[in-house]
PDB file of N, CA and C in Angstrom:
ATOM      1  N   MET A   1       6.083   2.638  27.031  1.00  0.00           N
ATOM      2  CA  MET A   1       6.558   1.412  26.343  1.00  0.00           C
ATOM      3  C   MET A   1       5.598   1.079  25.183  1.00  0.00           C
ATOM      4  N   SER A   2       6.215   0.878  24.051  1.00  0.00           N
ATOM      5  CA  SER A   2       5.422   0.623  22.854  1.00  0.00           C
ATOM      6  C   SER A   2       5.064  -0.853  22.751  1.00  0.00           C
ATOM      7  N   SER A   3       4.012  -1.039  22.052  1.00  0.00           N
ATOM      8  CA  SER A   3       3.385  -2.422  21.818  1.00  0.00           C
ATOM      9  C   SER A   3       4.187  -3.140  20.738  1.00  0.00           C
ATOM     10  N   ALA A   4       4.077  -4.427  20.821  1.00  0.00           N
ATOM     11  CA  ALA A   4       4.712  -5.224  19.751  1.00  0.00           C
ATOM     12  C   ALA A   4       4.037  -5.027  18.416  1.00  0.00           C
ATOM     13  N   PRO A   5       4.681  -4.929  17.378  1.00  0.00           N
ATOM     14  CA  PRO A   5       3.928  -4.698  16.058  1.00  0.00           C
ATOM     15  C   PRO A   5       3.149  -5.912  15.614  1.00  0.00           C
ATOM     16  N   SER A   6       2.002  -5.639  14.870  1.00  0.00           N
ATOM     17  CA  SER A   6       1.198  -6.607  14.331  1.00  0.00           C
ATOM     18  C   SER A   6       1.475  -6.476  12.840  1.00  0.00           C
ATOM     19  N   PHE A   7       1.539  -7.621  12.072  1.00  0.00           N
ATOM     20  CA  PHE A   7       1.754  -7.619  10.584  1.00  0.00           C
ATOM     21  C   PHE A   7       0.534  -8.210   9.997  1.00  0.00           C
ATOM     22  N   TRP A   8       0.109  -7.440   8.875  1.00  0.00           N
ATOM     23  CA  TRP A   8      -1.159  -7.860   8.195  1.00  0.00           C
ATOM     24  C   TRP A   8      -0.989  -8.284   6.824  1.00  0.00           C
ATOM     25  N   MET A   9      -1.634  -9.395   6.361  1.00  0.00           N
ATOM     26  CA  MET A   9      -1.654  -9.819   5.011  1.00  0.00           C
ATOM     27  C   MET A   9      -3.170  -9.554   4.642  1.00  0.00           C
ATOM     28  N   ILE A  10      -3.548  -8.840   3.529  1.00  0.00           N
ATOM     29  CA  ILE A  10      -4.859  -8.536   3.248  1.00  0.00           C
ATOM     30  C   ILE A  10      -5.287  -9.551   2.061  1.00  0.00           C
ATOM     31  N   PRO A  11      -6.301 -10.350   2.291  1.00  0.00           N
ATOM     32  CA  PRO A  11      -6.597 -11.390   1.190  1.00  0.00           C
ATOM     33  C   PRO A  11      -6.982 -10.805  -0.114  1.00  0.00           C
ATOM     34  N   THR A  12      -7.571  -9.596  -0.178  1.00  0.00           N
ATOM     35  CA  THR A  12      -8.130  -8.950  -1.382  1.00  0.00           C
ATOM     36  C   THR A  12      -6.969  -8.178  -2.063  1.00  0.00           C
ATOM     37  N   ALA A  13      -5.905  -7.868  -1.480  1.00  0.00           N
ATOM     38  CA  ALA A  13      -4.802  -7.177  -2.045  1.00  0.00           C
ATOM     39  C   ALA A  13      -3.853  -8.076  -2.933  1.00  0.00           C
ATOM     40  N   PRO A  14      -3.107  -7.501  -3.823  1.00  0.00           N
ATOM     41  CA  PRO A  14      -2.166  -8.401  -4.690  1.00  0.00           C
ATOM     42  C   PRO A  14      -1.191  -9.133  -3.754  1.00  0.00           C
ATOM     43  N   THR A  15      -0.806 -10.261  -4.235  1.00  0.00           N
ATOM     44  CA  THR A  15       0.196 -10.987  -3.513  1.00  0.00           C
ATOM     45  C   THR A  15       1.535 -10.099  -3.524  1.00  0.00           C
ATOM     46  N   PRO A  16       2.200  -9.999  -2.456  1.00  0.00           N
ATOM     47  CA  PRO A  16       3.538  -9.164  -2.382  1.00  0.00           C
ATOM     48  C   PRO A  16       4.556  -9.800  -3.329  1.00  0.00           C
ATOM     49  N   VAL A  17       5.410  -8.950  -3.887  1.00  0.00           N
ATOM     50  CA  VAL A  17       6.494  -9.386  -4.802  1.00  0.00           C
ATOM     51  C   VAL A  17       7.690  -9.836  -3.984  1.00  0.00           C
ATOM     52  N   GLY A  18       7.682  -9.634  -2.655  1.00  0.00           N
ATOM     53  CA  GLY A  18       8.820  -9.824  -1.872  1.00  0.00           C
ATOM     54  C   GLY A  18       8.362 -10.407  -0.619  1.00  0.00           C
ATOM     55  N   PRO A  19       9.236 -10.768   0.375  1.00  0.00           N
ATOM     56  CA  PRO A  19       8.905 -11.425   1.659  1.00  0.00           C
ATOM     57  C   PRO A  19       8.605 -10.507   2.698  1.00  0.00           C
ATOM     58  N   PHE A  20       7.352  -9.848   2.467  1.00  0.00           N
ATOM     59  CA  PHE A  20       6.911  -8.835   3.415  1.00  0.00           C
ATOM     60  C   PHE A  20       5.339  -8.929   3.462  1.00  0.00           C
ATOM     61  N   SER A  21       4.892  -8.364   4.547  1.00  0.00           N
ATOM     62  CA  SER A  21       3.394  -8.289   4.659  1.00  0.00           C
ATOM     63  C   SER A  21       2.769  -6.932   4.113  1.00  0.00           C
ATOM     64  N   HIS A  22       1.568  -6.810   3.899  1.00  0.00           N
ATOM     65  CA  HIS A  22       0.957  -5.646   3.307  1.00  0.00           C
ATOM     66  C   HIS A  22       1.085  -4.480   4.275  1.00  0.00           C
ATOM     67  N   ALA A  23       1.021  -4.728   5.617  1.00  0.00           N
ATOM     68  CA  ALA A  23       1.038  -3.554   6.555  1.00  0.00           C
ATOM     69  C   ALA A  23       1.544  -4.051   7.871  1.00  0.00           C
ATOM     70  N   ALA A  24       2.013  -3.097   8.611  1.00  0.00           N
ATOM     71  CA  ALA A  24       2.478  -3.260   9.987  1.00  0.00           C
ATOM     72  C   ALA A  24       1.785  -2.274  10.872  1.00  0.00           C
ATOM     73  N   GLU A  25       1.372  -2.730  12.080  1.00  0.00           N
ATOM     74  CA  GLU A  25       0.723  -1.836  12.969  1.00  0.00           C
ATOM     75  C   GLU A  25       1.379  -1.774  14.315  1.00  0.00           C
ATOM     76  N   ALA A  26       1.584  -0.543  14.911  1.00  0.00           N
ATOM     77  CA  ALA A  26       2.106  -0.496  16.169  1.00  0.00           C
ATOM     78  C   ALA A  26       1.635   0.825  16.840  1.00  0.00           C
ATOM     79  N   ASP A  27       1.225   0.744  18.065  1.00  0.00           N
ATOM     80  CA  ASP A  27       0.852   1.902  18.773  1.00  0.00           C
ATOM     81  C   ASP A  27      -0.163   2.813  18.056  1.00  0.00           C
ATOM     82  N   GLY A  28      -1.047   2.204  17.346  1.00  0.00           N
ATOM     83  CA  GLY A  28      -2.171   2.964  16.716  1.00  0.00           C
ATOM     84  C   GLY A  28      -1.733   3.563  15.394  1.00  0.00           C
ATOM     85  N   TRP A  29      -0.494   3.187  14.923  1.00  0.00           N
ATOM     86  CA  TRP A  29      -0.042   3.658  13.628  1.00  0.00           C
ATOM     87  C   TRP A  29       0.027   2.448  12.769  1.00  0.00           C
ATOM     88  N   VAL A  30      -0.275   2.718  11.375  1.00  0.00           N
ATOM     89  CA  VAL A  30      -0.265   1.684  10.488  1.00  0.00           C
ATOM     90  C   VAL A  30       0.637   2.110   9.235  1.00  0.00           C
ATOM     91  N   PHE A  31       1.524   1.233   8.898  1.00  0.00           N
ATOM     92  CA  PHE A  31       2.493   1.519   7.851  1.00  0.00           C
ATOM     93  C   PHE A  31       2.314   0.515   6.746  1.00  0.00           C
ATOM     94  N   LEU A  32       2.073   1.031   5.583  1.00  0.00           N
ATOM     95  CA  LEU A  32       1.785   0.116   4.347  1.00  0.00           C
ATOM     96  C   LEU A  32       3.151  -0.083   3.617  1.00  0.00           C
ATOM     97  N   THR A  33       3.293  -1.198   2.997  1.00  0.00           N
ATOM     98  CA  THR A  33       4.445  -1.550   2.163  1.00  0.00           C
ATOM     99  C   THR A  33       4.081  -0.950   0.894  1.00  0.00           C
ATOM    100  N   GLY A  34       5.130  -0.585  -0.018  1.00  0.00           N
ATOM    101  CA  GLY A  34       4.881  -0.142  -1.325  1.00  0.00           C
ATOM    102  C   GLY A  34       4.076  -1.098  -2.077  1.00  0.00           C
ATOM    103  N   GLN A  35       3.358  -0.700  -3.171  1.00  0.00           N
ATOM    104  CA  GLN A  35       2.571  -1.639  -3.950  1.00  0.00           C
ATOM    105  C   GLN A  35       3.144  -1.449  -5.437  1.00  0.00           C
ATOM    106  N   MET A  36       2.872  -2.601  -6.083  1.00  0.00           N
ATOM    107  CA  MET A  36       3.215  -2.585  -7.526  1.00  0.00           C
ATOM    108  C   MET A  36       1.908  -2.555  -8.333  1.00  0.00           C
ATOM    109  N   PRO A  37       1.972  -2.301  -9.717  1.00  0.00           N
ATOM    110  CA  PRO A  37       0.680  -2.183 -10.394  1.00  0.00           C
ATOM    111  C   PRO A  37       0.148  -3.505 -10.849  1.00  0.00           C
ATOM    112  N   THR A  38       0.374  -4.443  -9.989  1.00  0.00           N
ATOM    113  CA  THR A  38      -0.130  -5.865 -10.344  1.00  0.00           C
ATOM    114  C   THR A  38      -1.652  -5.947 -10.128  1.00  0.00           C
ATOM    115  N   CYS A  39      -2.198  -6.894 -10.709  1.00  0.00           N
ATOM    116  CA  CYS A  39      -3.700  -7.237 -10.692  1.00  0.00           C
ATOM    117  C   CYS A  39      -3.862  -7.936  -9.311  1.00  0.00           C
ATOM    118  N   PRO A  40      -4.836  -7.432  -8.512  1.00  0.00           N
ATOM    119  CA  PRO A  40      -5.050  -8.164  -7.247  1.00  0.00           C
ATOM    120  C   PRO A  40      -5.688  -9.600  -7.472  1.00  0.00           C
ATOM    121  N   THR A  41      -6.251  -9.830  -8.495  1.00  0.00           N
ATOM    122  CA  THR A  41      -6.923 -11.162  -8.717  1.00  0.00           C
ATOM    123  C   THR A  41      -6.172 -12.127  -9.610  1.00  0.00           C
ATOM    124  N   ASP A  42      -5.146 -11.635 -10.308  1.00  0.00           N
ATOM    125  CA  ASP A  42      -4.295 -12.424 -11.149  1.00  0.00           C
ATOM    126  C   ASP A  42      -2.886 -11.919 -11.278  1.00  0.00           C
ATOM    127  N   ASP A  43      -2.002 -12.604 -10.460  1.00  0.00           N
ATOM    128  CA  ASP A  43      -0.634 -12.149 -10.485  1.00  0.00           C
ATOM    129  C   ASP A  43       0.073 -12.273 -11.782  1.00  0.00           C
ATOM    130  N   ALA A  44      -0.452 -13.067 -12.703  1.00  0.00           N
ATOM    131  CA  ALA A  44       0.164 -13.276 -14.073  1.00  0.00           C
ATOM    132  C   ALA A  44      -0.348 -12.308 -15.050  1.00  0.00           C
ATOM    133  N   ALA A  45      -1.325 -11.531 -14.728  1.00  0.00           N
ATOM    134  CA  ALA A  45      -1.886 -10.686 -15.736  1.00  0.00           C
ATOM    135  C   ALA A  45      -0.842  -9.557 -16.129  1.00  0.00           C
ATOM    136  N   PRO A  46      -0.916  -9.033 -17.288  1.00  0.00           N
ATOM    137  CA  PRO A  46       0.041  -8.021 -17.726  1.00  0.00           C
ATOM    138  C   PRO A  46      -0.201  -6.753 -16.888  1.00  0.00           C
ATOM    139  N   LEU A  47       0.896  -6.034 -16.705  1.00  0.00           N
ATOM    140  CA  LEU A  47       0.720  -4.732 -16.102  1.00  0.00           C
ATOM    141  C   LEU A  47      -0.014  -3.844 -16.987  1.00  0.00           C
ATOM    142  N   PRO A  48      -0.760  -2.752 -16.396  1.00  0.00           N
ATOM    143  CA  PRO A  48      -1.383  -1.800 -17.253  1.00  0.00           C
ATOM    144  C   PRO A  48      -0.312  -0.985 -18.037  1.00  0.00           C
ATOM    145  N   GLU A  49      -0.679  -0.554 -19.230  1.00  0.00           N
ATOM    146  CA  GLU A  49       0.295   0.161 -20.018  1.00  0.00           C
ATOM    147  C   GLU A  49       0.387   1.685 -19.760  1.00  0.00           C
ATOM    148  N   GLY A  50       1.571   2.160 -19.504  1.00  0.00           N
ATOM    149  CA  GLY A  50       1.868   3.545 -19.155  1.00  0.00           C
ATOM    150  C   GLY A  50       1.702   3.849 -17.717  1.00  0.00           C
ATOM    151  N   VAL A  51       2.518   5.013 -17.380  1.00  0.00           N
ATOM    152  CA  VAL A  51       2.743   5.393 -16.001  1.00  0.00           C
ATOM    153  C   VAL A  51       1.333   5.881 -15.425  1.00  0.00           C
ATOM    154  N   VAL A  52       0.488   6.502 -16.136  1.00  0.00           N
ATOM    155  CA  VAL A  52      -0.813   6.872 -15.509  1.00  0.00           C
ATOM    156  C   VAL A  52      -1.643   5.748 -15.102  1.00  0.00           C
ATOM    157  N   ALA A  53      -1.781   4.733 -16.019  1.00  0.00           N
ATOM    158  CA  ALA A  53      -2.634   3.508 -15.637  1.00  0.00           C
ATOM    159  C   ALA A  53      -1.922   2.772 -14.514  1.00  0.00           C
ATOM    160  N   GLN A  54      -0.611   2.679 -14.545  1.00  0.00           N
ATOM    161  CA  GLN A  54       0.142   1.973 -13.482  1.00  0.00           C
ATOM    162  C   GLN A  54      -0.021   2.658 -12.110  1.00  0.00           C
ATOM    163  N   THR A  55       0.101   4.069 -12.202  1.00  0.00           N
ATOM    164  CA  THR A  55      -0.162   4.789 -10.883  1.00  0.00           C
ATOM    165  C   THR A  55      -1.556   4.608 -10.413  1.00  0.00           C
ATOM    166  N   LYS A  56      -2.486   4.537 -11.237  1.00  0.00           N
ATOM    167  CA  LYS A  56      -3.895   4.292 -10.762  1.00  0.00           C
ATOM    168  C   LYS A  56      -4.036   2.934 -10.186  1.00  0.00           C
ATOM    169  N   ARG A  57      -3.417   1.991 -10.789  1.00  0.00           N
ATOM    170  CA  ARG A  57      -3.510   0.507 -10.252  1.00  0.00           C
ATOM    171  C   ARG A  57      -2.875   0.533  -8.836  1.00  0.00           C
ATOM    172  N   VAL A  58      -1.659   1.262  -8.725  1.00  0.00           N
ATOM    173  CA  VAL A  58      -0.959   1.241  -7.513  1.00  0.00           C
ATOM    174  C   VAL A  58      -1.923   1.777  -6.421  1.00  0.00           C
ATOM    175  N   MET A  59      -2.502   2.935  -6.732  1.00  0.00           N
ATOM    176  CA  MET A  59      -3.398   3.568  -5.754  1.00  0.00           C
ATOM    177  C   MET A  59      -4.533   2.692  -5.359  1.00  0.00           C
ATOM    178  N   ASP A  60      -5.103   2.044  -6.389  1.00  0.00           N
ATOM    179  CA  ASP A  60      -6.248   1.079  -6.176  1.00  0.00           C
ATOM    180  C   ASP A  60      -5.790  -0.045  -5.248  1.00  0.00           C
ATOM    181  N   ASN A  61      -4.539  -0.479  -5.465  1.00  0.00           N
ATOM    182  CA  ASN A  61      -4.093  -1.594  -4.648  1.00  0.00           C
ATOM    183  C   ASN A  61      -3.932  -1.092  -3.224  1.00  0.00           C
ATOM    184  N   LEU A  62      -3.307   0.059  -3.046  1.00  0.00           N
ATOM    185  CA  LEU A  62      -3.186   0.663  -1.614  1.00  0.00           C
ATOM    186  C   LEU A  62      -4.533   0.761  -0.915  1.00  0.00           C
ATOM    187  N   VAL A  63      -5.551   1.120  -1.748  1.00  0.00           N
ATOM    188  CA  VAL A  63      -6.916   1.260  -1.171  1.00  0.00           C
ATOM    189  C   VAL A  63      -7.330  -0.125  -0.635  1.00  0.00           C
ATOM    190  N   LEU A  64      -7.100  -1.154  -1.461  1.00  0.00           N
ATOM    191  CA  LEU A  64      -7.531  -2.372  -1.020  1.00  0.00           C
ATOM    192  C   LEU A  64      -6.823  -2.787   0.374  1.00  0.00           C
ATOM    193  N   VAL A  65      -5.529  -2.531   0.467  1.00  0.00           N
ATOM    194  CA  VAL A  65      -4.865  -2.719   1.692  1.00  0.00           C
ATOM    195  C   VAL A  65      -5.527  -1.901   2.869  1.00  0.00           C
ATOM    196  N   LEU A  66      -5.851  -0.649   2.614  1.00  0.00           N
ATOM    197  CA  LEU A  66      -6.406   0.155   3.663  1.00  0.00           C
ATOM    198  C   LEU A  66      -7.821  -0.377   3.999  1.00  0.00           C
ATOM    199  N   GLN A  67      -8.579  -0.649   3.061  1.00  0.00           N
ATOM    200  CA  GLN A  67      -9.936  -1.132   3.216  1.00  0.00           C
ATOM    201  C   GLN A  67      -9.909  -2.488   4.034  1.00  0.00           C
ATOM    202  N   GLY A  68      -8.760  -3.318   3.799  1.00  0.00           N
ATOM    203  CA  GLY A  68      -8.709  -4.589   4.552  1.00  0.00           C
ATOM    204  C   GLY A  68      -8.496  -4.248   6.024  1.00  0.00           C
ATOM    205  N   LEU A  69      -7.970  -3.145   6.386  1.00  0.00           N
ATOM    206  CA  LEU A  69      -7.697  -2.687   7.823  1.00  0.00           C
ATOM    207  C   LEU A  69      -8.783  -1.774   8.343  1.00  0.00           C
ATOM    208  N   GLY A  70      -9.924  -1.649   7.552  1.00  0.00           N
ATOM    209  CA  GLY A  70     -10.930  -0.801   8.005  1.00  0.00           C
ATOM    210  C   GLY A  70     -10.587   0.752   7.809  1.00  0.00           C
ATOM    211  N   LEU A  71      -9.711   1.104   6.933  1.00  0.00           N
ATOM    212  CA  LEU A  71      -9.302   2.402   6.835  1.00  0.00           C
ATOM    213  C   LEU A  71      -9.504   2.899   5.382  1.00  0.00           C
ATOM    214  N   GLY A  72      -9.087   4.080   5.038  1.00  0.00           N
ATOM    215  CA  GLY A  72      -9.235   4.569   3.644  1.00  0.00           C
ATOM    216  C   GLY A  72      -8.239   5.711   3.420  1.00  0.00           C
ATOM    217  N   LEU A  73      -8.262   6.310   2.298  1.00  0.00           N
ATOM    218  CA  LEU A  73      -7.298   7.357   1.951  1.00  0.00           C
ATOM    219  C   LEU A  73      -7.380   8.551   2.850  1.00  0.00           C
ATOM    220  N   GLN A  74      -8.453   8.784   3.368  1.00  0.00           N
ATOM    221  CA  GLN A  74      -8.652   9.928   4.413  1.00  0.00           C
ATOM    222  C   GLN A  74      -7.814   9.732   5.562  1.00  0.00           C
ATOM    223  N   ASP A  75      -7.474   8.431   5.830  1.00  0.00           N
ATOM    224  CA  ASP A  75      -6.642   8.180   7.053  1.00  0.00           C
ATOM    225  C   ASP A  75      -5.164   8.239   6.917  1.00  0.00           C
ATOM    226  N   VAL A  76      -4.681   8.527   5.602  1.00  0.00           N
ATOM    227  CA  VAL A  76      -3.312   8.641   5.254  1.00  0.00           C
ATOM    228  C   VAL A  76      -2.654   9.927   5.791  1.00  0.00           C
ATOM    229  N   VAL A  77      -1.658   9.844   6.493  1.00  0.00           N
ATOM    230  CA  VAL A  77      -0.891  10.980   7.070  1.00  0.00           C
ATOM    231  C   VAL A  77       0.272  11.470   6.111  1.00  0.00           C
ATOM    232  N   ALA A  78       0.943  10.411   5.568  1.00  0.00           N
ATOM    233  CA  ALA A  78       2.082  10.774   4.700  1.00  0.00           C
ATOM    234  C   ALA A  78       2.315   9.691   3.643  1.00  0.00           C
ATOM    235  N   ALA A  79       2.893   9.997   2.512  1.00  0.00           N
ATOM    236  CA  ALA A  79       3.185   9.170   1.540  1.00  0.00           C
ATOM    237  C   ALA A  79       4.388   9.529   0.704  1.00  0.00           C
ATOM    238  N   ARG A  80       5.211   8.381   0.358  1.00  0.00           N
ATOM    239  CA  ARG A  80       6.338   8.684  -0.479  1.00  0.00           C
ATOM    240  C   ARG A  80       6.064   8.278  -1.978  1.00  0.00           C
ATOM    241  N   ILE A  81       6.163   9.182  -2.723  1.00  0.00           N
ATOM    242  CA  ILE A  81       5.876   8.934  -4.143  1.00  0.00           C
ATOM    243  C   ILE A  81       7.010   9.269  -5.016  1.00  0.00           C
ATOM    244  N   PHE A  82       7.302   8.458  -6.013  1.00  0.00           N
ATOM    245  CA  PHE A  82       8.416   8.673  -6.794  1.00  0.00           C
ATOM    246  C   PHE A  82       7.896   8.734  -8.253  1.00  0.00           C
ATOM    247  N   LEU A  83       7.590   9.926  -8.735  1.00  0.00           N
ATOM    248  CA  LEU A  83       6.935  10.105 -10.046  1.00  0.00           C
ATOM    249  C   LEU A  83       7.706  11.380 -10.659  1.00  0.00           C
ATOM    250  N   THR A  84       7.965  11.349 -11.893  1.00  0.00           N
ATOM    251  CA  THR A  84       8.586  12.539 -12.483  1.00  0.00           C
ATOM    252  C   THR A  84       7.468  13.507 -12.933  1.00  0.00           C
ATOM    253  N   GLU A  85       6.339  13.105 -13.146  1.00  0.00           N
ATOM    254  CA  GLU A  85       5.275  14.008 -13.541  1.00  0.00           C
ATOM    255  C   GLU A  85       4.208  13.853 -12.457  1.00  0.00           C
ATOM    256  N   PHE A  86       4.451  14.294 -11.304  1.00  0.00           N
ATOM    257  CA  PHE A  86       3.566  14.140 -10.171  1.00  0.00           C
ATOM    258  C   PHE A  86       2.195  14.793 -10.389  1.00  0.00           C
ATOM    259  N   LYS A  87       2.166  15.928 -10.815  1.00  0.00           N
ATOM    260  CA  LYS A  87       0.832  16.657 -10.978  1.00  0.00           C
ATOM    261  C   LYS A  87       0.041  15.959 -11.984  1.00  0.00           C
ATOM    262  N   ARG A  88       0.717  15.463 -13.044  1.00  0.00           N
ATOM    263  CA  ARG A  88      -0.067  14.758 -14.149  1.00  0.00           C
ATOM    264  C   ARG A  88      -0.546  13.389 -13.773  1.00  0.00           C
ATOM    265  N   ASP A  89       0.236  12.611 -13.046  1.00  0.00           N
ATOM    266  CA  ASP A  89      -0.042  11.242 -12.817  1.00  0.00           C
ATOM    267  C   ASP A  89      -0.686  10.867 -11.470  1.00  0.00           C
ATOM    268  N   TYR A  90      -0.406  11.631 -10.452  1.00  0.00           N
ATOM    269  CA  TYR A  90      -0.888  11.282  -9.127  1.00  0.00           C
ATOM    270  C   TYR A  90      -1.916  12.315  -8.583  1.00  0.00           C
ATOM    271  N   ALA A  91      -1.818  13.637  -8.752  1.00  0.00           N
ATOM    272  CA  ALA A  91      -2.696  14.547  -8.189  1.00  0.00           C
ATOM    273  C   ALA A  91      -4.127  14.225  -8.702  1.00  0.00           C
ATOM    274  N   PRO A  92      -4.430  13.872  -9.947  1.00  0.00           N
ATOM    275  CA  PRO A  92      -5.843  13.653 -10.224  1.00  0.00           C
ATOM    276  C   PRO A  92      -6.523  12.488  -9.564  1.00  0.00           C
ATOM    277  N   ILE A  93      -5.713  11.529  -9.083  1.00  0.00           N
ATOM    278  CA  ILE A  93      -6.228  10.454  -8.348  1.00  0.00           C
ATOM    279  C   ILE A  93      -6.612  10.857  -6.989  1.00  0.00           C
ATOM    280  N   ILE A  94      -5.795  11.572  -6.301  1.00  0.00           N
ATOM    281  CA  ILE A  94      -6.058  12.024  -4.992  1.00  0.00           C
ATOM    282  C   ILE A  94      -7.034  13.228  -4.922  1.00  0.00           C
ATOM    283  N   TYR A  95      -6.914  14.119  -5.903  1.00  0.00           N
ATOM    284  CA  TYR A  95      -7.859  15.325  -5.941  1.00  0.00           C
ATOM    285  C   TYR A  95      -8.571  15.354  -7.367  1.00  0.00           C
ATOM    286  N   PRO A  96      -9.513  14.561  -7.497  1.00  0.00           N
ATOM    287  CA  PRO A  96     -10.282  14.478  -8.681  1.00  0.00           C
ATOM    288  C   PRO A  96     -11.036  15.750  -8.903  1.00  0.00           C
ATOM    289  N   GLY A  97     -11.154  16.169 -10.202  1.00  0.00           N
ATOM    290  CA  GLY A  97     -11.996  17.361 -10.581  1.00  0.00           C
ATOM    291  C   GLY A  97     -10.972  18.570 -10.512  1.00  0.00           C
TER     292      GLY A  97
END
């Protein structure tokens, strides 16, 4: 029998743009909601310019959610990423150098 899910709002992460929590946890698994490239300290701040800067901000925001749960990128098992230039925009963030 599975346990009831827990839903988490992380105070250091950006305010969600929809009616959902930052993460849900059940049976030892944690599922994060998608993140936008919004500033975690100022919802009204302009978005970073360009897909590379926005991708970096999204990843930074995901790290904030993970850290709020005592986790990090090393704990991620799977991710859905929608980028047309994956190698250019995402891989350098996950695989620096």
